[in-house]
PDB file of N, CA and C in Angstrom:
ATOM      1  N   MET A   1       0.843  -1.188   0.004  1.00  0.00           N
ATOM      2  CA  MET A   1      -0.002   0.003   0.001  1.00  0.00           C
ATOM      3  C   MET A   1       0.888   1.255  -0.003  1.00  0.00           C
ATOM      4  N   GLU A   2       0.517   2.167  -0.787  1.00  0.00           N
ATOM      5  CA  GLU A   2       1.252   3.422  -0.934  1.00  0.00           C
ATOM      6  C   GLU A   2       1.013   4.310   0.293  1.00  0.00           C
ATOM      7  N   LYS A   3       2.093   4.864   0.842  1.00  0.00           N
ATOM      8  CA  LYS A   3       1.955   5.754   1.989  1.00  0.00           C
ATOM      9  C   LYS A   3       1.493   7.127   1.529  1.00  0.00           C
ATOM     10  N   GLN A   4       0.709   7.782   2.371  1.00  0.00           N
ATOM     11  CA  GLN A   4       0.258   9.111   2.022  1.00  0.00           C
ATOM     12  C   GLN A   4       0.108  10.005   3.248  1.00  0.00           C
ATOM     13  N   ILE A   5       0.241  11.295   2.966  1.00  0.00           N
ATOM     14  CA  ILE A   5       0.013  12.337   3.962  1.00  0.00           C
ATOM     15  C   ILE A   5      -1.167  13.144   3.456  1.00  0.00           C
ATOM     16  N   ILE A   6      -2.166  13.313   4.302  1.00  0.00           N
ATOM     17  CA  ILE A   6      -3.311  14.156   3.962  1.00  0.00           C
ATOM     18  C   ILE A   6      -3.319  15.310   4.951  1.00  0.00           C
ATOM     19  N   ILE A   7      -3.295  16.517   4.433  1.00  0.00           N
ATOM     20  CA  ILE A   7      -3.304  17.702   5.282  1.00  0.00           C
ATOM     21  C   ILE A   7      -4.662  18.377   5.157  1.00  0.00           C
ATOM     22  N   CYS A   8      -5.241  18.711   6.295  1.00  0.00           N
ATOM     23  CA  CYS A   8      -6.530  19.397   6.286  1.00  0.00           C
ATOM     24  C   CYS A   8      -6.335  20.851   5.856  1.00  0.00           C
ATOM     25  N   MET A   9      -7.110  21.258   4.864  1.00  0.00           N
ATOM     26  CA  MET A   9      -7.026  22.634   4.393  1.00  0.00           C
ATOM     27  C   MET A   9      -8.335  23.379   4.647  1.00  0.00           C
ATOM     28  N   GLY A  10      -9.142  22.846   5.564  1.00  0.00           N
ATOM     29  CA  GLY A  10     -10.334  23.564   5.991  1.00  0.00           C
ATOM     30  C   GLY A  10      -9.929  24.880   6.625  1.00  0.00           C
ATOM     31  N   SER A  11     -10.862  25.819   6.687  1.00  0.00           N
ATOM     32  CA  SER A  11     -10.517  27.188   7.120  1.00  0.00           C
ATOM     33  C   SER A  11      -9.898  27.239   8.506  1.00  0.00           C
ATOM     34  N   SER A  12     -10.361  26.410   9.438  1.00  0.00           N
ATOM     35  CA  SER A  12      -9.819  26.447  10.786  1.00  0.00           C
ATOM     36  C   SER A  12      -8.379  25.938  10.820  1.00  0.00           C
ATOM     37  N   CYS A  13      -8.126  24.780  10.229  1.00  0.00           N
ATOM     38  CA  CYS A  13      -6.758  24.219  10.201  1.00  0.00           C
ATOM     39  C   CYS A  13      -5.826  25.109   9.374  1.00  0.00           C
ATOM     40  N   PHE A  14      -6.333  25.627   8.273  1.00  0.00           N
ATOM     41  CA  PHE A  14      -5.539  26.504   7.420  1.00  0.00           C
ATOM     42  C   PHE A  14      -5.072  27.726   8.193  1.00  0.00           C
ATOM     43  N   ALA A  15      -5.993  28.336   8.941  1.00  0.00           N
ATOM     44  CA  ALA A  15      -5.677  29.541   9.715  1.00  0.00           C
ATOM     45  C   ALA A  15      -4.777  29.243  10.904  1.00  0.00           C
ATOM     46  N   ARG A  16      -4.843  28.039  11.437  1.00  0.00           N
ATOM     47  CA  ARG A  16      -4.045  27.666  12.614  1.00  0.00           C
ATOM     48  C   ARG A  16      -2.643  27.184  12.268  1.00  0.00           C
ATOM     49  N   GLY A  17      -2.300  27.117  10.994  1.00  0.00           N
ATOM     50  CA  GLY A  17      -0.918  26.780  10.681  1.00  0.00           C
ATOM     51  C   GLY A  17      -0.729  25.874   9.488  1.00  0.00           C
ATOM     52  N   ASN A  18      -1.748  25.135   9.066  1.00  0.00           N
ATOM     53  CA  ASN A  18      -1.532  24.229   7.950  1.00  0.00           C
ATOM     54  C   ASN A  18      -1.150  24.927   6.660  1.00  0.00           C
ATOM     55  N   LYS A  19      -1.472  26.212   6.552  1.00  0.00           N
ATOM     56  CA  LYS A  19      -1.026  26.992   5.388  1.00  0.00           C
ATOM     57  C   LYS A  19       0.500  26.927   5.302  1.00  0.00           C
ATOM     58  N   ASN A  20       1.181  27.090   6.433  1.00  0.00           N
ATOM     59  CA  ASN A  20       2.643  27.054   6.472  1.00  0.00           C
ATOM     60  C   ASN A  20       3.191  25.624   6.479  1.00  0.00           C
ATOM     61  N   TYR A  21       2.436  24.705   7.043  1.00  0.00           N
ATOM     62  CA  TYR A  21       2.912  23.318   7.158  1.00  0.00           C
ATOM     63  C   TYR A  21       2.963  22.608   5.821  1.00  0.00           C
ATOM     64  N   VAL A  22       2.184  23.058   4.845  1.00  0.00           N
ATOM     65  CA  VAL A  22       2.269  22.502   3.492  1.00  0.00           C
ATOM     66  C   VAL A  22       3.712  22.615   2.996  1.00  0.00           C
ATOM     67  N   GLU A  23       4.293  23.782   3.153  1.00  0.00           N
ATOM     68  CA  GLU A  23       5.674  23.997   2.682  1.00  0.00           C
ATOM     69  C   GLU A  23       6.684  23.183   3.468  1.00  0.00           C
ATOM     70  N   ILE A  24       6.470  23.041   4.770  1.00  0.00           N
ATOM     71  CA  ILE A  24       7.377  22.234   5.592  1.00  0.00           C
ATOM     72  C   ILE A  24       7.365  20.780   5.131  1.00  0.00           C
ATOM     73  N   ILE A  25       6.170  20.258   4.864  1.00  0.00           N
ATOM     74  CA  ILE A  25       6.054  18.868   4.421  1.00  0.00           C
ATOM     75  C   ILE A  25       6.684  18.704   3.038  1.00  0.00           C
ATOM     76  N   LYS A  26       6.415  19.631   2.129  1.00  0.00           N
ATOM     77  CA  LYS A  26       7.027  19.556   0.796  1.00  0.00           C
ATOM     78  C   LYS A  26       8.550  19.577   0.891  1.00  0.00           C
ATOM     79  N   LYS A  27       9.079  20.452   1.732  1.00  0.00           N
ATOM     80  CA  LYS A  27      10.537  20.553   1.897  1.00  0.00           C
ATOM     81  C   LYS A  27      11.095  19.243   2.461  1.00  0.00           C
ATOM     82  N   TYR A  28      10.436  18.684   3.457  1.00  0.00           N
ATOM     83  CA  TYR A  28      10.888  17.417   4.039  1.00  0.00           C
ATOM     84  C   TYR A  28      10.910  16.320   2.975  1.00  0.00           C
ATOM     85  N   LEU A  29       9.822  16.198   2.212  1.00  0.00           N
ATOM     86  CA  LEU A  29       9.752  15.157   1.179  1.00  0.00           C
ATOM     87  C   LEU A  29      10.847  15.340   0.134  1.00  0.00           C
ATOM     88  N   ASN A  30      11.108  16.584  -0.275  1.00  0.00           N
ATOM     89  CA  ASN A  30      12.162  16.858  -1.247  1.00  0.00           C
ATOM     90  C   ASN A  30      13.545  16.531  -0.685  1.00  0.00           C
ATOM     91  N   GLU A  31      13.824  16.979   0.532  1.00  0.00           N
ATOM     92  CA  GLU A  31      15.141  16.776   1.135  1.00  0.00           C
ATOM     93  C   GLU A  31      15.456  15.299   1.374  1.00  0.00           C
ATOM     94  N   HIS A  32      14.411  14.494   1.553  1.00  0.00           N
ATOM     95  CA  HIS A  32      14.597  13.067   1.827  1.00  0.00           C
ATOM     96  C   HIS A  32      14.281  12.193   0.606  1.00  0.00           C
ATOM     97  N   ASN A  33      14.186  12.836  -0.559  1.00  0.00           N
ATOM     98  CA  ASN A  33      13.930  12.112  -1.816  1.00  0.00           C
ATOM     99  C   ASN A  33      12.702  11.202  -1.713  1.00  0.00           C
ATOM    100  N   LEU A  34      11.636  11.731  -1.139  1.00  0.00           N
ATOM    101  CA  LEU A  34      10.421  10.946  -0.943  1.00  0.00           C
ATOM    102  C   LEU A  34       9.253  11.418  -1.809  1.00  0.00           C
ATOM    103  N   THR A  35       9.473  12.381  -2.676  1.00  0.00           N
ATOM    104  CA  THR A  35       8.359  12.926  -3.454  1.00  0.00           C
ATOM    105  C   THR A  35       7.718  11.897  -4.371  1.00  0.00           C
ATOM    106  N   ASN A  36       8.467  10.892  -4.782  1.00  0.00           N
ATOM    107  CA  ASN A  36       7.905   9.844  -5.646  1.00  0.00           C
ATOM    108  C   ASN A  36       7.452   8.627  -4.857  1.00  0.00           C
ATOM    109  N   LYS A  37       7.659   8.621  -3.542  1.00  0.00           N
ATOM    110  CA  LYS A  37       7.295   7.479  -2.713  1.00  0.00           C
ATOM    111  C   LYS A  37       6.083   7.749  -1.822  1.00  0.00           C
ATOM    112  N   ILE A  38       5.850   9.018  -1.509  1.00  0.00           N
ATOM    113  CA  ILE A  38       4.780   9.401  -0.590  1.00  0.00           C
ATOM    114  C   ILE A  38       3.805  10.310  -1.337  1.00  0.00           C
ATOM    115  N   VAL A  39       2.520   9.968  -1.280  1.00  0.00           N
ATOM    116  CA  VAL A  39       1.483  10.831  -1.854  1.00  0.00           C
ATOM    117  C   VAL A  39       1.166  11.892  -0.824  1.00  0.00           C
ATOM    118  N   PHE A  40       1.196  13.158  -1.238  1.00  0.00           N
ATOM    119  CA  PHE A  40       0.886  14.290  -0.359  1.00  0.00           C
ATOM    120  C   PHE A  40      -0.264  15.066  -0.973  1.00  0.00           C
ATOM    121  N   LYS A  41      -1.376  15.148  -0.230  1.00  0.00           N
ATOM    122  CA  LYS A  41      -2.544  15.858  -0.760  1.00  0.00           C
ATOM    123  C   LYS A  41      -3.301  16.536   0.358  1.00  0.00           C
ATOM    124  N   GLY A  42      -4.136  17.478  -0.043  1.00  0.00           N
ATOM    125  CA  GLY A  42      -4.978  18.195   0.903  1.00  0.00           C
ATOM    126  C   GLY A  42      -6.405  17.727   0.812  1.00  0.00           C
ATOM    127  N   GLN A  43      -7.156  18.015   1.847  1.00  0.00           N
ATOM    128  CA  GLN A  43      -8.596  17.788   1.817  1.00  0.00           C
ATOM    129  C   GLN A  43      -9.271  18.994   2.446  1.00  0.00           C
ATOM    130  N   LEU A  44     -10.528  19.202   2.117  1.00  0.00           N
ATOM    131  CA  LEU A  44     -11.202  20.413   2.561  1.00  0.00           C
ATOM    132  C   LEU A  44     -11.463  20.451   4.060  1.00  0.00           C
ATOM    133  N   CYS A  45     -11.833  19.332   4.668  1.00  0.00           N
ATOM    134  CA  CYS A  45     -12.058  19.340   6.105  1.00  0.00           C
ATOM    135  C   CYS A  45     -11.935  17.929   6.630  1.00  0.00           C
ATOM    136  N   SER A  46     -11.298  17.770   7.783  1.00  0.00           N
ATOM    137  CA  SER A  46     -11.151  16.447   8.390  1.00  0.00           C
ATOM    138  C   SER A  46     -12.171  16.227   9.503  1.00  0.00           C
ATOM    139  N   ASP A  47     -13.075  17.185   9.706  1.00  0.00           N
ATOM    140  CA  ASP A  47     -14.134  17.122  10.743  1.00  0.00           C
ATOM    141  C   ASP A  47     -13.562  17.063  12.151  1.00  0.00           C
ATOM    142  N   ASN A  48     -12.411  17.660  12.360  1.00  0.00           N
ATOM    143  CA  ASN A  48     -11.815  17.758  13.687  1.00  0.00           C
ATOM    144  C   ASN A  48     -11.369  19.203  13.932  1.00  0.00           C
ATOM    145  N   CYS A  49     -12.223  20.136  13.578  1.00  0.00           N
ATOM    146  CA  CYS A  49     -11.861  21.556  13.610  1.00  0.00           C
ATOM    147  C   CYS A  49     -11.351  21.998  14.978  1.00  0.00           C
ATOM    148  N   SER A  50     -11.951  21.506  16.048  1.00  0.00           N
ATOM    149  CA  SER A  50     -11.537  21.940  17.383  1.00  0.00           C
ATOM    150  C   SER A  50     -10.172  21.388  17.789  1.00  0.00           C
ATOM    151  N   LYS A  51      -9.658  20.393  17.039  1.00  0.00           N
ATOM    152  CA  LYS A  51      -8.382  19.764  17.365  1.00  0.00           C
ATOM    153  C   LYS A  51      -7.272  20.174  16.403  1.00  0.00           C
ATOM    154  N   GLY A  52      -7.549  21.123  15.526  1.00  0.00           N
ATOM    155  CA  GLY A  52      -6.624  21.491  14.469  1.00  0.00           C
ATOM    156  C   GLY A  52      -5.424  22.269  14.959  1.00  0.00           C
ATOM    157  N   PRO A  53      -4.459  22.378  14.091  1.00  0.00           N
ATOM    158  CA  PRO A  53      -4.377  21.836  12.747  1.00  0.00           C
ATOM    159  C   PRO A  53      -4.175  20.318  12.746  1.00  0.00           C
ATOM    160  N   VAL A  54      -4.675  19.673  11.678  1.00  0.00           N
ATOM    161  CA  VAL A  54      -4.724  18.223  11.591  1.00  0.00           C
ATOM    162  C   VAL A  54      -4.011  17.753  10.321  1.00  0.00           C
ATOM    163  N   ILE A  55      -3.236  16.657  10.456  1.00  0.00           N
ATOM    164  CA  ILE A  55      -2.772  15.912   9.281  1.00  0.00           C
ATOM    165  C   ILE A  55      -3.076  14.446   9.541  1.00  0.00           C
ATOM    166  N   GLN A  56      -3.095  13.689   8.472  1.00  0.00           N
ATOM    167  CA  GLN A  56      -3.296  12.243   8.569  1.00  0.00           C
ATOM    168  C   GLN A  56      -2.201  11.548   7.787  1.00  0.00           C
ATOM    169  N   ILE A  57      -1.597  10.539   8.391  1.00  0.00           N
ATOM    170  CA  ILE A  57      -0.590   9.714   7.727  1.00  0.00           C
ATOM    171  C   ILE A  57      -1.103   8.287   7.823  1.00  0.00           C
ATOM    172  N   GLY A  58      -1.400   7.698   6.667  1.00  0.00           N
ATOM    173  CA  GLY A  58      -2.040   6.377   6.668  1.00  0.00           C
ATOM    174  C   GLY A  58      -3.386   6.494   7.352  1.00  0.00           C
ATOM    175  N   ASP A  59      -3.609   5.646   8.350  1.00  0.00           N
ATOM    176  CA  ASP A  59      -4.877   5.660   9.090  1.00  0.00           C
ATOM    177  C   ASP A  59      -4.813   6.455  10.384  1.00  0.00           C
ATOM    178  N   VAL A  60      -3.683   7.107  10.650  1.00  0.00           N
ATOM    179  CA  VAL A  60      -3.480   7.815  11.919  1.00  0.00           C
ATOM    180  C   VAL A  60      -3.628   9.319  11.702  1.00  0.00           C
ATOM    181  N   GLU A  61      -4.469   9.935  12.540  1.00  0.00           N
ATOM    182  CA  GLU A  61      -4.614  11.390  12.502  1.00  0.00           C
ATOM    183  C   GLU A  61      -3.780  12.009  13.623  1.00  0.00           C
ATOM    184  N   TYR A  62      -3.186  13.156  13.330  1.00  0.00           N
ATOM    185  CA  TYR A  62      -2.393  13.899  14.301  1.00  0.00           C
ATOM    186  C   TYR A  62      -3.043  15.261  14.493  1.00  0.00           C
ATOM    187  N   PHE A  63      -3.209  15.653  15.747  1.00  0.00           N
ATOM    188  CA  PHE A  63      -3.963  16.857  16.093  1.00  0.00           C
ATOM    189  C   PHE A  63      -3.086  17.904  16.759  1.00  0.00           C
ATOM    190  N   GLU A  64      -3.600  19.138  16.763  1.00  0.00           N
ATOM    191  CA  GLU A  64      -2.979  20.261  17.484  1.00  0.00           C
ATOM    192  C   GLU A  64      -1.496  20.395  17.137  1.00  0.00           C
ATOM    193  N   LEU A  65      -1.222  20.397  15.849  1.00  0.00           N
ATOM    194  CA  LEU A  65       0.158  20.464  15.389  1.00  0.00           C
ATOM    195  C   LEU A  65       0.773  21.830  15.636  1.00  0.00           C
ATOM    196  N   ASP A  66       2.068  21.802  15.863  1.00  0.00           N
ATOM    197  CA  ASP A  66       2.900  22.988  15.755  1.00  0.00           C
ATOM    198  C   ASP A  66       4.097  22.548  14.919  1.00  0.00           C
ATOM    199  N   GLU A  67       4.974  23.443  14.591  1.00  0.00           N
ATOM    200  CA  GLU A  67       6.068  23.108  13.682  1.00  0.00           C
ATOM    201  C   GLU A  67       6.966  21.998  14.241  1.00  0.00           C
ATOM    202  N   THR A  68       7.277  22.062  15.521  1.00  0.00           N
ATOM    203  CA  THR A  68       8.134  21.046  16.143  1.00  0.00           C
ATOM    204  C   THR A  68       7.473  19.677  16.113  1.00  0.00           C
ATOM    205  N   LYS A  69       6.210  19.614  16.468  1.00  0.00           N
ATOM    206  CA  LYS A  69       5.465  18.363  16.475  1.00  0.00           C
ATOM    207  C   LYS A  69       5.362  17.787  15.060  1.00  0.00           C
ATOM    208  N   LEU A  70       5.104  18.634  14.083  1.00  0.00           N
ATOM    209  CA  LEU A  70       5.007  18.182  12.692  1.00  0.00           C
ATOM    210  C   LEU A  70       6.321  17.552  12.231  1.00  0.00           C
ATOM    211  N   LYS A  71       7.426  18.219  12.494  1.00  0.00           N
ATOM    212  CA  LYS A  71       8.732  17.689  12.075  1.00  0.00           C
ATOM    213  C   LYS A  71       9.031  16.352  12.757  1.00  0.00           C
ATOM    214  N   ARG A  72       8.687  16.232  14.031  1.00  0.00           N
ATOM    215  CA  ARG A  72       8.898  14.967  14.755  1.00  0.00           C
ATOM    216  C   ARG A  72       8.063  13.857  14.134  1.00  0.00           C
ATOM    217  N   ILE A  73       6.815  14.149  13.812  1.00  0.00           N
ATOM    218  CA  ILE A  73       5.922  13.159  13.198  1.00  0.00           C
ATOM    219  C   ILE A  73       6.470  12.702  11.848  1.00  0.00           C
ATOM    220  N   LEU A  74       6.941  13.645  11.054  1.00  0.00           N
ATOM    221  CA  LEU A  74       7.515  13.283   9.756  1.00  0.00           C
ATOM    222  C   LEU A  74       8.730  12.383   9.920  1.00  0.00           C
ATOM    223  N   HIS A  75       9.611  12.722  10.830  1.00  0.00           N
ATOM    224  CA  HIS A  75      10.813  11.905  11.076  1.00  0.00           C
ATOM    225  C   HIS A  75      10.429  10.517  11.577  1.00  0.00           C
ATOM    226  N   GLU A  76       9.476  10.446  12.499  1.00  0.00           N
ATOM    227  CA  GLU A  76       9.058   9.146  13.055  1.00  0.00           C
ATOM    228  C   GLU A  76       8.444   8.249  11.986  1.00  0.00           C
ATOM    229  N   ASN A  77       7.731   8.839  11.055  1.00  0.00           N
ATOM    230  CA  ASN A  77       7.017   8.042  10.041  1.00  0.00           C
ATOM    231  C   ASN A  77       7.837   7.725   8.809  1.00  0.00           C
ATOM    232  N   PHE A  78       8.796   8.603   8.445  1.00  0.00           N
ATOM    233  CA  PHE A  78       9.390   8.468   7.135  1.00  0.00           C
ATOM    234  C   PHE A  78      10.928   8.418   7.078  1.00  0.00           C
ATOM    235  N   ASP A  79      11.618   8.549   8.183  1.00  0.00           N
ATOM    236  CA  ASP A  79      13.080   8.531   8.108  1.00  0.00           C
ATOM    237  C   ASP A  79      13.629   7.215   7.568  1.00  0.00           C
ATOM    238  N   ASN A  80      12.903   6.136   7.731  1.00  0.00           N
ATOM    239  CA  ASN A  80      13.362   4.842   7.224  1.00  0.00           C
ATOM    240  C   ASN A  80      12.929   4.573   5.793  1.00  0.00           C
ATOM    241  N   GLU A  81      12.237   5.509   5.178  1.00  0.00           N
ATOM    242  CA  GLU A  81      11.722   5.334   3.803  1.00  0.00           C
ATOM    243  C   GLU A  81      12.733   5.705   2.732  1.00  0.00           C
ATOM    244  N   ALA A  82      13.665   6.583   3.064  1.00  0.00           N
ATOM    245  CA  ALA A  82      14.581   7.110   2.064  1.00  0.00           C
ATOM    246  C   ALA A  82      15.548   6.066   1.570  1.00  0.00           C
TER     247      ALA A  82
END
């Protein structure tokens, strides 16, 4: 099964930081040569507005992201993929 990252781009998550986190994720995927191995896409709403910003990797959702938490999640999930 192909791994994927889904980032919520609903207005609440977008305003709380996912606007900036799109670029962080793209940079991480590029730096680790994962752009052809990991599908990265947005969705309009993950229905967890009160817990945002939200991303989903596989079947796991991650809530209340900040930049440090996002980078840790990416490393935990994908450092062995490169």
